Amino acid sequence: MNMNTTSSDAPVVEIDQLCSSFRTAGREFVVHRDLDLRIGAGELVSIVGGSGSGKTVLLRQMLGLERPRSGRVTVMGRPAARLGEPGAASRVGMLFQHGALFSAFSVLDNIAFPLRELGTLPDDLVRDVALVKLQLVGLDPAQAHKMPANLSGGMIKRVALARALVMDPPLLLLDEPTAGLDPDSADALCDLLRSLHRELGLTVVMVTHDLDTLFELSTRVAVLADHKVIVSGAPREVMAFDHPFIREFFLGERGQRAVALLHEPPIAV
């Protein structure tokens, strides 16, 4: 099994010898140590790990929101720390776990926000693009003037996804995309993400603890444990790797149930 399989000779995300730590109450807590990971164009890579393993920290470092203590994080050939520079922000879209919509903005204004921040496009064009993205995620234009407080959990995720895609980024980061959703809404969001991944040619990095979502979407899984990526590969290959976290996560009751569902024939209606 290849510990860092990629689908391209020029990775979209390249992480080398990453070390991350935080100091709290006079003590230093190591999150990552000598972590290596490469993600090729067109992959949908799920990052899994136990609580405190640094999954979301790793996403934030790919986004340039946090800097590691040492090591290198490169996104689309550019240091992640430079993603805040002019023209670089459009390279990465981010769907935060709870949507992170602006509560005082309408649906349309939330989606349009990144384009308006650029200050280079006329407002009518910004509005048209936002409406196109709204429909891209399966929402009717009639929803454009609703406020976030009036949206269901599934609709909040879709609006946040539309905002993440409004600048047509080639790389999309997802932090627990189905967290908090009922099973039907989670299944519908997975269907949408699968379709967008295929149709837009996106490279996707997803943090998830939901096994159904992982098996539904992942082309590859990277497991964080012992401060690094201990294994990466197709989901079934990763399940065969001998490690306490993998045995607990994949081979426990929840994991066995998720695997069994993959083999169940569709229910006749």
Foldseek 3Di string as FASTA:
>chain_A
DDQEDEPDPDFQKWWFQFWAWDADPNDIGTQAGGATYTYHFLFAEEEEEDPSNCPVVVVCLQCLNDDGPDTFIDGRNHGNVCCPPPPNVLQEFEQDQQLPFDQVQALQCSLLVVVVVVVPDDPVVSSVLSQVLCVLLPHDVVRRGHGPVPDDSLSSLSSSVSSSCSSPHQEYEYEASCPPHDPVSSVSNLVSVQVCSVPSSHGYYYYHLQLLSCLSHGQKYFYRDPNYGPGMGGPVVQLPDDDVVSCCRQVPPNNVVSVVVVPDDDDDD
